[in-house]
PDB file of N, CA and C in Angstrom:
ATOM      1  N   MET A   1     107.043 119.728  89.257  1.00  0.00           N
ATOM      2  CA  MET A   1     107.072 118.630  90.126  1.00  0.00           C
ATOM      3  C   MET A   1     106.117 117.358  89.507  1.00  0.00           C
ATOM      4  N   LYS A   2     104.990 117.517  88.802  1.00  0.00           N
ATOM      5  CA  LYS A   2     104.424 116.636  88.213  1.00  0.00           C
ATOM      6  C   LYS A   2     105.205 115.920  87.096  1.00  0.00           C
ATOM      7  N   LYS A   3     105.946 116.728  86.279  1.00  0.00           N
ATOM      8  CA  LYS A   3     106.722 116.293  85.231  1.00  0.00           C
ATOM      9  C   LYS A   3     107.894 115.278  85.813  1.00  0.00           C
ATOM     10  N   ILE A   4     108.297 115.677  87.069  1.00  0.00           N
ATOM     11  CA  ILE A   4     109.422 114.745  87.577  1.00  0.00           C
ATOM     12  C   ILE A   4     108.815 113.476  87.951  1.00  0.00           C
ATOM     13  N   ILE A   5     107.633 113.408  88.624  1.00  0.00           N
ATOM     14  CA  ILE A   5     107.061 112.418  89.066  1.00  0.00           C
ATOM     15  C   ILE A   5     106.658 111.339  87.863  1.00  0.00           C
ATOM     16  N   ILE A   6     106.109 111.993  86.890  1.00  0.00           N
ATOM     17  CA  ILE A   6     105.836 111.209  85.762  1.00  0.00           C
ATOM     18  C   ILE A   6     106.983 110.650  85.034  1.00  0.00           C
ATOM     19  N   SER A   7     108.112 111.439  84.947  1.00  0.00           N
ATOM     20  CA  SER A   7     109.326 110.994  84.493  1.00  0.00           C
ATOM     21  C   SER A   7     109.784 109.773  85.332  1.00  0.00           C
ATOM     22  N   VAL A   8     109.816 109.824  86.516  1.00  0.00           N
ATOM     23  CA  VAL A   8     110.313 108.690  87.385  1.00  0.00           C
ATOM     24  C   VAL A   8     109.425 107.449  87.175  1.00  0.00           C
ATOM     25  N   PHE A   9     108.251 107.631  87.013  1.00  0.00           N
ATOM     26  CA  PHE A   9     107.347 106.505  86.748  1.00  0.00           C
ATOM     27  C   PHE A   9     107.645 105.819  85.478  1.00  0.00           C
ATOM     28  N   ILE A  10     107.859 106.719  84.380  1.00  0.00           N
ATOM     29  CA  ILE A  10     108.269 106.132  83.088  1.00  0.00           C
ATOM     30  C   ILE A  10     109.517 105.478  83.079  1.00  0.00           C
ATOM     31  N   VAL A  11     110.510 105.974  83.782  1.00  0.00           N
ATOM     32  CA  VAL A  11     111.920 105.390  83.778  1.00  0.00           C
ATOM     33  C   VAL A  11     111.773 104.102  84.565  1.00  0.00           C
ATOM     34  N   THR A  12     110.984 104.174  85.673  1.00  0.00           N
ATOM     35  CA  THR A  12     110.876 102.887  86.444  1.00  0.00           C
ATOM     36  C   THR A  12     110.376 101.709  85.495  1.00  0.00           C
ATOM     37  N   PHE A  13     109.266 101.979  84.868  1.00  0.00           N
ATOM     38  CA  PHE A  13     108.657 100.986  84.009  1.00  0.00           C
ATOM     39  C   PHE A  13     109.583 100.539  82.888  1.00  0.00           C
ATOM     40  N   ILE A  14     110.327 101.455  82.353  1.00  0.00           N
ATOM     41  CA  ILE A  14     111.275 101.289  81.237  1.00  0.00           C
ATOM     42  C   ILE A  14     112.356 100.191  81.735  1.00  0.00           C
ATOM     43  N   VAL A  15     112.902 100.554  82.882  1.00  0.00           N
ATOM     44  CA  VAL A  15     113.860  99.744  83.635  1.00  0.00           C
ATOM     45  C   VAL A  15     113.416  98.389  83.750  1.00  0.00           C
ATOM     46  N   ILE A  16     112.275  98.300  84.405  1.00  0.00           N
ATOM     47  CA  ILE A  16     111.610  97.007  84.709  1.00  0.00           C
ATOM     48  C   ILE A  16     111.285  96.235  83.516  1.00  0.00           C
ATOM     49  N   GLY A  17     110.977  96.989  82.353  1.00  0.00           N
ATOM     50  CA  GLY A  17     110.695  96.172  81.080  1.00  0.00           C
ATOM     51  C   GLY A  17     111.977  95.522  80.531  1.00  0.00           C
ATOM     52  N   PHE A  18     113.213  96.261  80.847  1.00  0.00           N
ATOM     53  CA  PHE A  18     114.335  95.662  80.314  1.00  0.00           C
ATOM     54  C   PHE A  18     115.176  94.676  81.200  1.00  0.00           C
ATOM     55  N   THR A  19     114.870  94.886  82.440  1.00  0.00           N
ATOM     56  CA  THR A  19     115.545  93.970  83.444  1.00  0.00           C
ATOM     57  C   THR A  19     114.844  92.581  83.647  1.00  0.00           C
ATOM     58  N   ALA A  20     113.337  92.712  83.640  1.00  0.00           N
ATOM     59  CA  ALA A  20     112.530  91.553  84.023  1.00  0.00           C
ATOM     60  C   ALA A  20     112.800  90.378  83.004  1.00  0.00           C
ATOM     61  N   PRO A  21     112.745  90.679  81.695  1.00  0.00           N
ATOM     62  CA  PRO A  21     113.029  89.572  80.804  1.00  0.00           C
ATOM     63  C   PRO A  21     114.352  89.003  80.794  1.00  0.00           C
ATOM     64  N   THR A  22     115.334  89.734  81.160  1.00  0.00           N
ATOM     65  CA  THR A  22     116.712  89.367  81.314  1.00  0.00           C
ATOM     66  C   THR A  22     116.920  88.394  82.480  1.00  0.00           C
ATOM     67  N   MET A  23     116.032  88.581  83.565  1.00  0.00           N
ATOM     68  CA  MET A  23     116.061  87.761  84.686  1.00  0.00           C
ATOM     69  C   MET A  23     115.355  86.406  84.560  1.00  0.00           C
ATOM     70  N   ASP A  24     114.726  86.245  83.319  1.00  0.00           N
ATOM     71  CA  ASP A  24     113.997  84.984  83.151  1.00  0.00           C
ATOM     72  C   ASP A  24     114.846  83.637  83.234  1.00  0.00           C
ATOM     73  N   TYR A  25     116.009  83.905  82.754  1.00  0.00           N
ATOM     74  CA  TYR A  25     116.835  82.614  82.777  1.00  0.00           C
ATOM     75  C   TYR A  25     117.164  82.266  84.260  1.00  0.00           C
ATOM     76  N   VAL A  26     117.243  83.243  85.195  1.00  0.00           N
ATOM     77  CA  VAL A  26     117.539  82.776  86.590  1.00  0.00           C
ATOM     78  C   VAL A  26     116.398  82.154  87.195  1.00  0.00           C
ATOM     79  N   TYR A  27     115.117  82.671  86.900  1.00  0.00           N
ATOM     80  CA  TYR A  27     113.886  81.989  87.377  1.00  0.00           C
ATOM     81  C   TYR A  27     113.682  80.656  86.717  1.00  0.00           C
ATOM     82  N   ALA A  28     113.969  80.643  85.416  1.00  0.00           N
ATOM     83  CA  ALA A  28     113.763  79.304  84.753  1.00  0.00           C
ATOM     84  C   ALA A  28     114.693  78.270  85.275  1.00  0.00           C
ATOM     85  N   LYS A  29     115.860  78.557  85.817  1.00  0.00           N
ATOM     86  CA  LYS A  29     116.690  77.571  86.431  1.00  0.00           C
ATOM     87  C   LYS A  29     115.977  77.079  87.747  1.00  0.00           C
ATOM     88  N   GLU A  30     115.244  77.772  88.305  1.00  0.00           N
ATOM     89  CA  GLU A  30     114.617  77.462  89.618  1.00  0.00           C
ATOM     90  C   GLU A  30     113.178  76.685  89.284  1.00  0.00           C
ATOM     91  N   ASN A  31     112.882  76.489  88.111  1.00  0.00           N
ATOM     92  CA  ASN A  31     111.692  75.887  87.693  1.00  0.00           C
ATOM     93  C   ASN A  31     110.455  76.673  88.207  1.00  0.00           C
ATOM     94  N   SER A  32     110.563  78.030  88.410  1.00  0.00           N
ATOM     95  CA  SER A  32     109.523  78.822  88.925  1.00  0.00           C
ATOM     96  C   SER A  32     108.441  78.724  87.972  1.00  0.00           C
ATOM     97  N   THR A  33     107.156  78.842  88.430  1.00  0.00           N
ATOM     98  CA  THR A  33     105.950  79.037  87.627  1.00  0.00           C
ATOM     99  C   THR A  33     105.697  80.511  87.422  1.00  0.00           C
ATOM    100  N   ARG A  34     106.261  81.401  88.102  1.00  0.00           N
ATOM    101  CA  ARG A  34     105.959  82.842  87.954  1.00  0.00           C
ATOM    102  C   ARG A  34     106.716  83.350  86.742  1.00  0.00           C
ATOM    103  N   THR A  35     105.736  84.073  85.982  1.00  0.00           N
ATOM    104  CA  THR A  35     106.354  84.596  84.806  1.00  0.00           C
ATOM    105  C   THR A  35     106.787  86.046  84.885  1.00  0.00           C
ATOM    106  N   THR A  36     107.376  86.561  83.858  1.00  0.00           N
ATOM    107  CA  THR A  36     107.762  87.968  83.807  1.00  0.00           C
ATOM    108  C   THR A  36     106.625  88.950  84.089  1.00  0.00           C
ATOM    109  N   PHE A  37     105.463  88.569  83.511  1.00  0.00           N
ATOM    110  CA  PHE A  37     104.258  89.524  83.659  1.00  0.00           C
ATOM    111  C   PHE A  37     103.897  89.298  85.154  1.00  0.00           C
ATOM    112  N   ASP A  38     103.929  88.169  85.820  1.00  0.00           N
ATOM    113  CA  ASP A  38     103.582  88.149  87.135  1.00  0.00           C
ATOM    114  C   ASP A  38     104.613  88.988  88.096  1.00  0.00           C
ATOM    115  N   ARG A  39     105.731  89.043  87.748  1.00  0.00           N
ATOM    116  CA  ARG A  39     106.699  89.875  88.458  1.00  0.00           C
ATOM    117  C   ARG A  39     106.486  91.445  88.180  1.00  0.00           C
ATOM    118  N   ILE A  40     106.114  91.675  87.147  1.00  0.00           N
ATOM    119  CA  ILE A  40     105.837  93.156  86.754  1.00  0.00           C
ATOM    120  C   ILE A  40     104.547  93.439  87.412  1.00  0.00           C
ATOM    121  N   HIS A  41     103.619  92.620  87.336  1.00  0.00           N
ATOM    122  CA  HIS A  41     102.307  92.710  88.123  1.00  0.00           C
ATOM    123  C   HIS A  41     102.477  92.877  89.536  1.00  0.00           C
ATOM    124  N   TYR A  42     103.225  92.198  90.133  1.00  0.00           N
ATOM    125  CA  TYR A  42     103.614  92.258  91.666  1.00  0.00           C
ATOM    126  C   TYR A  42     104.230  93.587  91.892  1.00  0.00           C
ATOM    127  N   ILE A  43     105.194  94.253  91.076  1.00  0.00           N
ATOM    128  CA  ILE A  43     105.760  95.388  91.212  1.00  0.00           C
ATOM    129  C   ILE A  43     104.862  96.542  91.221  1.00  0.00           C
ATOM    130  N   GLN A  44     103.796  96.481  90.184  1.00  0.00           N
ATOM    131  CA  GLN A  44     102.816  97.494  90.046  1.00  0.00           C
ATOM    132  C   GLN A  44     101.908  97.510  91.211  1.00  0.00           C
ATOM    133  N   ILE A  45     101.582  96.392  91.753  1.00  0.00           N
ATOM    134  CA  ILE A  45     100.708  96.163  92.959  1.00  0.00           C
ATOM    135  C   ILE A  45     101.406  96.876  94.214  1.00  0.00           C
ATOM    136  N   ILE A  46     102.702  96.575  94.262  1.00  0.00           N
ATOM    137  CA  ILE A  46     103.528  97.344  95.410  1.00  0.00           C
ATOM    138  C   ILE A  46     103.493  98.741  95.229  1.00  0.00           C
ATOM    139  N   ILE A  47     103.762  99.202  94.052  1.00  0.00           N
ATOM    140  CA  ILE A  47     103.623 100.752  93.828  1.00  0.00           C
ATOM    141  C   ILE A  47     102.208 101.256  94.185  1.00  0.00           C
ATOM    142  N   HIS A  48     101.263 100.527  93.847  1.00  0.00           N
ATOM    143  CA  HIS A  48      99.833 101.063  94.099  1.00  0.00           C
ATOM    144  C   HIS A  48      99.612 101.083  95.662  1.00  0.00           C
ATOM    145  N   PHE A  49     100.200  99.983  96.352  1.00  0.00           N
ATOM    146  CA  PHE A  49     100.066  99.922  97.919  1.00  0.00           C
ATOM    147  C   PHE A  49     100.658 101.294  98.450  1.00  0.00           C
ATOM    148  N   LYS A  50     101.912 101.628  97.894  1.00  0.00           N
ATOM    149  CA  LYS A  50     102.530 102.894  98.504  1.00  0.00           C
ATOM    150  C   LYS A  50     101.645 104.060  98.272  1.00  0.00           C
ATOM    151  N   SER A  51     101.076 104.159  97.259  1.00  0.00           N
ATOM    152  CA  SER A  51     100.195 105.317  96.936  1.00  0.00           C
ATOM    153  C   SER A  51      99.014 105.269  97.893  1.00  0.00           C
ATOM    154  N   LEU A  52      98.434 104.091  98.092  1.00  0.00           N
ATOM    155  CA  LEU A  52      97.271 103.972  98.938  1.00  0.00           C
ATOM    156  C   LEU A  52      97.681 104.278 100.354  1.00  0.00           C
ATOM    157  N   GLU A  53      98.947 103.890 100.885  1.00  0.00           N
ATOM    158  CA  GLU A  53      99.268 104.222 102.157  1.00  0.00           C
ATOM    159  C   GLU A  53      99.405 105.818 102.361  1.00  0.00           C
ATOM    160  N   LYS A  54      99.971 106.406 101.321  1.00  0.00           N
ATOM    161  CA  LYS A  54     100.113 107.826 101.440  1.00  0.00           C
ATOM    162  C   LYS A  54      98.677 108.514 101.521  1.00  0.00           C
ATOM    163  N   GLN A  55      97.690 108.004 100.579  1.00  0.00           N
ATOM    164  CA  GLN A  55      96.372 108.554 100.585  1.00  0.00           C
ATOM    165  C   GLN A  55      95.759 108.307 101.983  1.00  0.00           C
ATOM    166  N   LEU A  56      96.049 107.133 102.554  1.00  0.00           N
ATOM    167  CA  LEU A  56      95.298 106.813 103.839  1.00  0.00           C
ATOM    168  C   LEU A  56      95.831 107.819 104.940  1.00  0.00           C
ATOM    169  N   GLU A  57      97.151 107.976 104.951  1.00  0.00           N
ATOM    170  CA  GLU A  57      97.774 108.895 106.006  1.00  0.00           C
ATOM    171  C   GLU A  57      97.144 110.359 105.763  1.00  0.00           C
ATOM    172  N   ALA A  58      96.986 110.683 104.597  1.00  0.00           N
ATOM    173  CA  ALA A  58      96.439 112.056 104.343  1.00  0.00           C
ATOM    174  C   ALA A  58      95.072 112.190 104.842  1.00  0.00           C
ATOM    175  N   VAL A  59      94.273 111.220 104.375  1.00  0.00           N
ATOM    176  CA  VAL A  59      92.792 111.159 104.916  1.00  0.00           C
ATOM    177  C   VAL A  59      92.717 111.100 106.464  1.00  0.00           C
ATOM    178  N   LEU A  60      93.664 110.302 107.034  1.00  0.00           N
ATOM    179  CA  LEU A  60      93.520 110.273 108.473  1.00  0.00           C
ATOM    180  C   LEU A  60      93.876 111.498 109.199  1.00  0.00           C
ATOM    181  N   SER A  61      94.978 112.098 108.675  1.00  0.00           N
ATOM    182  CA  SER A  61      95.454 113.373 109.435  1.00  0.00           C
ATOM    183  C   SER A  61      94.403 114.493 109.069  1.00  0.00           C
ATOM    184  N   GLU A  62      93.690 114.568 107.880  1.00  0.00           N
ATOM    185  CA  GLU A  62      92.729 115.519 107.588  1.00  0.00           C
ATOM    186  C   GLU A  62      91.357 115.247 108.448  1.00  0.00           C
ATOM    187  N   ARG A  63      91.103 114.008 108.607  1.00  0.00           N
ATOM    188  CA  ARG A  63      89.822 113.618 109.363  1.00  0.00           C
ATOM    189  C   ARG A  63      90.012 114.005 110.812  1.00  0.00           C
ATOM    190  N   ASN A  64      91.142 113.931 111.454  1.00  0.00           N
ATOM    191  CA  ASN A  64      91.538 114.312 112.895  1.00  0.00           C
ATOM    192  C   ASN A  64      91.165 115.767 113.083  1.00  0.00           C
ATOM    193  N   ASN A  65      91.112 116.517 112.046  1.00  0.00           N
ATOM    194  CA  ASN A  65      90.920 117.951 112.253  1.00  0.00           C
ATOM    195  C   ASN A  65      89.422 118.420 112.528  1.00  0.00           C
ATOM    196  N   TYR A  66      88.515 117.345 112.342  1.00  0.00           N
ATOM    197  CA  TYR A  66      87.082 117.667 112.368  1.00  0.00           C
ATOM    198  C   TYR A  66      86.518 116.805 113.587  1.00  0.00           C
ATOM    199  N   PRO A  67      85.246 117.529 114.124  1.00  0.00           N
ATOM    200  CA  PRO A  67      84.624 116.734 115.092  1.00  0.00           C
ATOM    201  C   PRO A  67      83.814 115.430 114.515  1.00  0.00           C
ATOM    202  N   GLU A  68      83.613 114.523 115.382  1.00  0.00           N
ATOM    203  CA  GLU A  68      83.179 113.235 114.830  1.00  0.00           C
ATOM    204  C   GLU A  68      81.654 113.372 114.218  1.00  0.00           C
ATOM    205  N   ASP A  69      80.952 114.297 114.742  1.00  0.00           N
ATOM    206  CA  ASP A  69      79.622 114.372 114.137  1.00  0.00           C
ATOM    207  C   ASP A  69      79.607 115.338 112.907  1.00  0.00           C
ATOM    208  N   SER A  70      80.637 115.901 112.434  1.00  0.00           N
ATOM    209  CA  SER A  70      80.682 116.861 111.261  1.00  0.00           C
ATOM    210  C   SER A  70      80.374 116.001 109.994  1.00  0.00           C
ATOM    211  N   PRO A  71      79.898 116.548 108.917  1.00  0.00           N
ATOM    212  CA  PRO A  71      79.700 115.918 107.628  1.00  0.00           C
ATOM    213  C   PRO A  71      81.013 115.580 106.950  1.00  0.00           C
ATOM    214  N   GLU A  72      82.104 116.517 107.255  1.00  0.00           N
ATOM    215  CA  GLU A  72      83.370 116.382 106.613  1.00  0.00           C
ATOM    216  C   GLU A  72      83.982 115.038 107.158  1.00  0.00           C
ATOM    217  N   TYR A  73      83.925 114.968 108.573  1.00  0.00           N
ATOM    218  CA  TYR A  73      84.412 113.661 109.225  1.00  0.00           C
ATOM    219  C   TYR A  73      83.740 112.521 108.620  1.00  0.00           C
ATOM    220  N   LYS A  74      82.588 112.405 108.376  1.00  0.00           N
ATOM    221  CA  LYS A  74      81.875 111.272 107.740  1.00  0.00           C
ATOM    222  C   LYS A  74      82.365 111.079 106.303  1.00  0.00           C
ATOM    223  N   GLU A  75      82.442 112.169 105.505  1.00  0.00           N
ATOM    224  CA  GLU A  75      82.966 111.974 104.267  1.00  0.00           C
ATOM    225  C   GLU A  75      84.316 111.359 104.124  1.00  0.00           C
ATOM    226  N   LEU A  76      85.228 111.881 105.039  1.00  0.00           N
ATOM    227  CA  LEU A  76      86.590 111.360 105.167  1.00  0.00           C
ATOM    228  C   LEU A  76      86.557 109.902 105.560  1.00  0.00           C
ATOM    229  N   SER A  77      85.699 109.470 106.512  1.00  0.00           N
ATOM    230  CA  SER A  77      85.632 108.216 106.940  1.00  0.00           C
ATOM    231  C   SER A  77      85.140 107.258 105.863  1.00  0.00           C
ATOM    232  N   GLU A  78      84.314 107.682 104.941  1.00  0.00           N
ATOM    233  CA  GLU A  78      83.944 106.938 103.879  1.00  0.00           C
ATOM    234  C   GLU A  78      85.061 106.775 102.850  1.00  0.00           C
ATOM    235  N   GLN A  79      85.876 107.837 102.584  1.00  0.00           N
ATOM    236  CA  GLN A  79      87.062 107.805 101.723  1.00  0.00           C
ATOM    237  C   GLN A  79      88.008 106.767 102.417  1.00  0.00           C
ATOM    238  N   MET A  80      88.212 106.877 103.730  1.00  0.00           N
ATOM    239  CA  MET A  80      89.135 105.905 104.293  1.00  0.00           C
ATOM    240  C   MET A  80      88.692 104.475 104.218  1.00  0.00           C
ATOM    241  N   ASN A  81      87.317 104.135 104.344  1.00  0.00           N
ATOM    242  CA  ASN A  81      86.839 102.804 104.126  1.00  0.00           C
ATOM    243  C   ASN A  81      87.159 102.340 102.763  1.00  0.00           C
ATOM    244  N   HIS A  82      86.935 103.287 101.689  1.00  0.00           N
ATOM    245  CA  HIS A  82      87.169 103.036 100.262  1.00  0.00           C
ATOM    246  C   HIS A  82      88.596 102.519 100.126  1.00  0.00           C
ATOM    247  N   ILE A  83      89.574 103.249 100.651  1.00  0.00           N
ATOM    248  CA  ILE A  83      91.046 102.959 100.560  1.00  0.00           C
ATOM    249  C   ILE A  83      91.353 101.660 101.199  1.00  0.00           C
ATOM    250  N   LEU A  84      90.740 101.408 102.359  1.00  0.00           N
ATOM    251  CA  LEU A  84      91.037 100.129 102.998  1.00  0.00           C
ATOM    252  C   LEU A  84      90.456  98.889 102.249  1.00  0.00           C
ATOM    253  N   GLU A  85      89.255  99.111 101.465  1.00  0.00           N
ATOM    254  CA  GLU A  85      88.757  98.087 100.675  1.00  0.00           C
ATOM    255  C   GLU A  85      89.550  97.858  99.512  1.00  0.00           C
ATOM    256  N   GLN A  86      90.291  98.932  98.881  1.00  0.00           N
ATOM    257  CA  GLN A  86      91.245  98.741  97.848  1.00  0.00           C
ATOM    258  C   GLN A  86      92.378  97.927  98.394  1.00  0.00           C
ATOM    259  N   GLU A  87      92.901  98.295  99.418  1.00  0.00           N
ATOM    260  CA  GLU A  87      94.071  97.549  99.991  1.00  0.00           C
ATOM    261  C   GLU A  87      93.659  95.983 100.162  1.00  0.00           C
ATOM    262  N   THR A  88      92.493  95.759 100.697  1.00  0.00           N
ATOM    263  CA  THR A  88      92.082  94.352 100.739  1.00  0.00           C
ATOM    264  C   THR A  88      92.113  93.622  99.436  1.00  0.00           C
ATOM    265  N   TYR A  89      91.571  94.380  98.455  1.00  0.00           N
ATOM    266  CA  TYR A  89      91.509  93.765  97.171  1.00  0.00           C
ATOM    267  C   TYR A  89      92.868  93.516  96.641  1.00  0.00           C
ATOM    268  N   TYR A  90      93.860  94.388  96.702  1.00  0.00           N
ATOM    269  CA  TYR A  90      95.135  94.146  96.295  1.00  0.00           C
ATOM    270  C   TYR A  90      95.952  93.136  97.131  1.00  0.00           C
ATOM    271  N   GLN A  91      95.459  92.988  98.356  1.00  0.00           N
ATOM    272  CA  GLN A  91      96.199  91.895  99.052  1.00  0.00           C
ATOM    273  C   GLN A  91      95.685  90.646  98.508  1.00  0.00           C
ATOM    274  N   LYS A  92      94.467  90.558  98.270  1.00  0.00           N
ATOM    275  CA  LYS A  92      93.995  89.144  97.640  1.00  0.00           C
ATOM    276  C   LYS A  92      94.753  88.950  96.295  1.00  0.00           C
ATOM    277  N   LYS A  93      94.997  89.908  95.524  1.00  0.00           N
ATOM    278  CA  LYS A  93      95.610  89.787  94.252  1.00  0.00           C
ATOM    279  C   LYS A  93      97.271  89.346  94.510  1.00  0.00           C
ATOM    280  N   LEU A  94      97.824  89.767  95.643  1.00  0.00           N
ATOM    281  CA  LEU A  94      99.152  89.455  95.965  1.00  0.00           C
ATOM    282  C   LEU A  94      99.149  88.008  96.365  1.00  0.00           C
ATOM    283  N   LYS A  95      98.145  87.667  97.138  1.00  0.00           N
ATOM    284  CA  LYS A  95      98.148  86.265  97.620  1.00  0.00           C
ATOM    285  C   LYS A  95      97.990  85.288  96.419  1.00  0.00           C
ATOM    286  N   ALA A  96      97.191  85.630  95.462  1.00  0.00           N
ATOM    287  CA  ALA A  96      96.978  84.859  94.286  1.00  0.00           C
ATOM    288  C   ALA A  96      98.345  84.672  93.540  1.00  0.00           C
ATOM    289  N   LEU A  97      99.054  85.801  93.465  1.00  0.00           N
ATOM    290  CA  LEU A  97     100.386  85.761  92.735  1.00  0.00           C
ATOM    291  C   LEU A  97     101.423  84.817  93.546  1.00  0.00           C
ATOM    292  N   TYR A  98     101.380  85.034  94.792  1.00  0.00           N
ATOM    293  CA  TYR A  98     102.187  84.071  95.762  1.00  0.00           C
ATOM    294  C   TYR A  98     101.834  82.754  95.709  1.00  0.00           C
ATOM    295  N   SER A  99     100.716  82.412  95.448  1.00  0.00           N
ATOM    296  CA  SER A  99     100.143  80.913  95.481  1.00  0.00           C
ATOM    297  C   SER A  99     100.661  80.087  94.093  1.00  0.00           C
ATOM    298  N   LYS A 100     101.063  80.885  93.159  1.00  0.00           N
ATOM    299  CA  LYS A 100     101.438  80.380  91.846  1.00  0.00           C
ATOM    300  C   LYS A 100     102.686  79.406  92.108  1.00  0.00           C
TER     301      LYS A 100
END
């Protein structure tokens, strides 16, 4: 299963690597200031967002199995806060890419 996931990521980045440079002429016609690197970075952030969403769902479902005063609940709450901080960080990065 891990080999399949790794293979999918490798194929995805290879495809992005080949298609993004060929799309430059389309964006150049629009006089866009976004570069190929910006588009690849945007895709990487979106992929990371998807993984953060899955992590957040897993932590929330696991956290609901414990009473609120248990140490496990507090630990999972800290993990959830860390994931939310990461999402905020990447939202700022996306806003910076959009503002170009």
